[in-house]
C-alpha atoms as a PDB file:
ATOM      1  CA  UNK A   1     104.797 119.536  73.997  1.00  0.00           C
ATOM      2  CA  UNK A   2     102.943 116.952  76.105  1.00  0.00           C
ATOM      3  CA  UNK A   3     101.024 114.295  74.233  1.00  0.00           C
ATOM      4  CA  UNK A   4      98.289 112.268  75.874  1.00  0.00           C
ATOM      5  CA  UNK A   5      97.184 108.886  74.653  1.00  0.00           C
ATOM      6  CA  UNK A   6      93.983 107.303  75.947  1.00  0.00           C
ATOM      7  CA  UNK A   7      93.531 103.583  75.559  1.00  0.00           C
ATOM      8  CA  UNK A   8      90.919 101.056  76.434  1.00  0.00           C
ATOM      9  CA  UNK A   9      91.123  97.311  76.310  1.00  0.00           C
ATOM     10  CA  UNK A  10      92.363  94.362  78.268  1.00  0.00           C
ATOM     11  CA  UNK A  11      95.733  94.349  80.014  1.00  0.00           C
ATOM     12  CA  UNK A  12      96.963  91.941  77.335  1.00  0.00           C
ATOM     13  CA  UNK A  13      95.963  94.379  74.571  1.00  0.00           C
ATOM     14  CA  UNK A  14      97.513  97.397  76.324  1.00  0.00           C
ATOM     15  CA  UNK A  15     100.800  95.484  76.833  1.00  0.00           C
ATOM     16  CA  UNK A  16     101.207  95.408  73.048  1.00  0.00           C
ATOM     17  CA  UNK A  17     100.967  99.222  72.591  1.00  0.00           C
ATOM     18  CA  UNK A  18     104.578 100.416  72.295  1.00  0.00           C
ATOM     19  CA  UNK A  19     103.811 104.084  73.108  1.00  0.00           C
ATOM     20  CA  UNK A  20     101.768 103.303  76.223  1.00  0.00           C
ATOM     21  CA  UNK A  21     103.735 103.851  79.440  1.00  0.00           C
ATOM     22  CA  UNK A  22     101.214 101.647  81.246  1.00  0.00           C
ATOM     23  CA  UNK A  23     101.704  98.978  78.578  1.00  0.00           C
ATOM     24  CA  UNK A  24     105.466  99.194  78.984  1.00  0.00           C
ATOM     25  CA  UNK A  25     105.148  98.478  82.716  1.00  0.00           C
ATOM     26  CA  UNK A  26     102.536  95.743  82.231  1.00  0.00           C
ATOM     27  CA  UNK A  27     104.750  93.990  79.685  1.00  0.00           C
ATOM     28  CA  UNK A  28     107.946  94.324  81.714  1.00  0.00           C
ATOM     29  CA  UNK A  29     109.684  96.566  79.150  1.00  0.00           C
ATOM     30  CA  UNK A  30     109.871  99.183  81.930  1.00  0.00           C
ATOM     31  CA  UNK A  31     110.125  98.487  85.624  1.00  0.00           C
ATOM     32  CA  UNK A  32     110.786 100.130  88.954  1.00  0.00           C
ATOM     33  CA  UNK A  33     113.606  98.456  90.828  1.00  0.00           C
ATOM     34  CA  UNK A  34     112.902  97.358  94.396  1.00  0.00           C
ATOM     35  CA  UNK A  35     115.369  99.102  96.739  1.00  0.00           C
ATOM     36  CA  UNK A  36     118.037  96.827  98.233  1.00  0.00           C
ATOM     37  CA  UNK A  37     117.518  98.486 101.611  1.00  0.00           C
ATOM     38  CA  UNK A  38     114.008  99.415 102.746  1.00  0.00           C
ATOM     39  CA  UNK A  39     112.953 101.955 105.344  1.00  0.00           C
ATOM     40  CA  UNK A  40     112.196 100.600 108.772  1.00  0.00           C
ATOM     41  CA  UNK A  41     108.677 101.208 110.014  1.00  0.00           C
ATOM     42  CA  UNK A  42     108.542 103.003 113.346  1.00  0.00           C
ATOM     43  CA  UNK A  43     105.738 101.681 115.550  1.00  0.00           C
ATOM     44  CA  UNK A  44     105.750 104.961 117.479  1.00  0.00           C
ATOM     45  CA  UNK A  45     105.331 107.279 114.444  1.00  0.00           C
ATOM     46  CA  UNK A  46     101.775 106.606 113.311  1.00  0.00           C
ATOM     47  CA  UNK A  47      98.440 108.215 112.646  1.00  0.00           C
ATOM     48  CA  UNK A  48      95.699 106.308 114.456  1.00  0.00           C
ATOM     49  CA  UNK A  49      92.034 106.264 113.528  1.00  0.00           C
ATOM     50  CA  UNK A  50      89.930 105.172 116.491  1.00  0.00           C
ATOM     51  CA  UNK A  51      86.390 103.804 116.427  1.00  0.00           C
ATOM     52  CA  UNK A  52      85.622 104.497 112.759  1.00  0.00           C
ATOM     53  CA  UNK A  53      81.915 103.868 112.089  1.00  0.00           C
ATOM     54  CA  UNK A  54      81.173 105.714 108.823  1.00  0.00           C
ATOM     55  CA  UNK A  55      79.755 103.919 105.779  1.00  0.00           C
ATOM     56  CA  UNK A  56      80.330 100.178 106.179  1.00  0.00           C
ATOM     57  CA  UNK A  57      82.961 100.409 108.964  1.00  0.00           C
ATOM     58  CA  UNK A  58      82.008  98.823 112.262  1.00  0.00           C
ATOM     59  CA  UNK A  59      83.895 100.597 115.073  1.00  0.00           C
ATOM     60  CA  UNK A  60      87.394  99.796 113.810  1.00  0.00           C
ATOM     61  CA  UNK A  61      90.678 101.214 115.040  1.00  0.00           C
ATOM     62  CA  UNK A  62      93.704 101.225 112.734  1.00  0.00           C
ATOM     63  CA  UNK A  63      97.232 102.670 112.813  1.00  0.00           C
ATOM     64  CA  UNK A  64      98.950 103.940 109.641  1.00  0.00           C
ATOM     65  CA  UNK A  65     102.762 104.240 109.828  1.00  0.00           C
ATOM     66  CA  UNK A  66     104.285 107.579 108.831  1.00  0.00           C
ATOM     67  CA  UNK A  67     107.171 107.943 106.380  1.00  0.00           C
ATOM     68  CA  UNK A  68     106.113 105.021 104.168  1.00  0.00           C
ATOM     69  CA  UNK A  69     103.550 104.483 101.423  1.00  0.00           C
ATOM     70  CA  UNK A  70     100.141 103.374 102.717  1.00  0.00           C
ATOM     71  CA  UNK A  71      97.385 102.082 100.457  1.00  0.00           C
ATOM     72  CA  UNK A  72      93.791 101.310 101.459  1.00  0.00           C
ATOM     73  CA  UNK A  73      91.867  99.190  98.979  1.00  0.00           C
ATOM     74  CA  UNK A  74      88.422  97.718  98.682  1.00  0.00           C
ATOM     75  CA  UNK A  75      86.002  96.296  96.175  1.00  0.00           C
ATOM     76  CA  UNK A  76      84.260  98.613  93.747  1.00  0.00           C
ATOM     77  CA  UNK A  77      81.331 100.349  95.421  1.00  0.00           C
ATOM     78  CA  UNK A  78      82.640  99.862  98.967  1.00  0.00           C
ATOM     79  CA  UNK A  79      82.714 103.650  99.578  1.00  0.00           C
ATOM     80  CA  UNK A  80      86.448 104.048 100.181  1.00  0.00           C
ATOM     81  CA  UNK A  81      85.987 107.778  99.677  1.00  0.00           C
ATOM     82  CA  UNK A  82      83.318 109.809 101.426  1.00  0.00           C
ATOM     83  CA  UNK A  83      82.635 113.196  99.805  1.00  0.00           C
ATOM     84  CA  UNK A  84      80.312 115.302 101.957  1.00  0.00           C
ATOM     85  CA  UNK A  85      78.151 117.925 100.263  1.00  0.00           C
END
């Protein structure tokens, strides 16, 4: 049986909830070890976006390496996702 627990509150409050997996990570009771040896990034194995101009982008070109985790962030409301109807 899978149980789901929904919480709201500050990070400090969630840290104190023993059954919260998020709280366990925030408090340091659980952690993910950093690998001793990391993958090397290949400069030749990439996906390149050229001349992006959608939303608030101004003709940018960017390369994302393959085989590693990539994360694109931005402030709330900066239209990181564009869902066309």
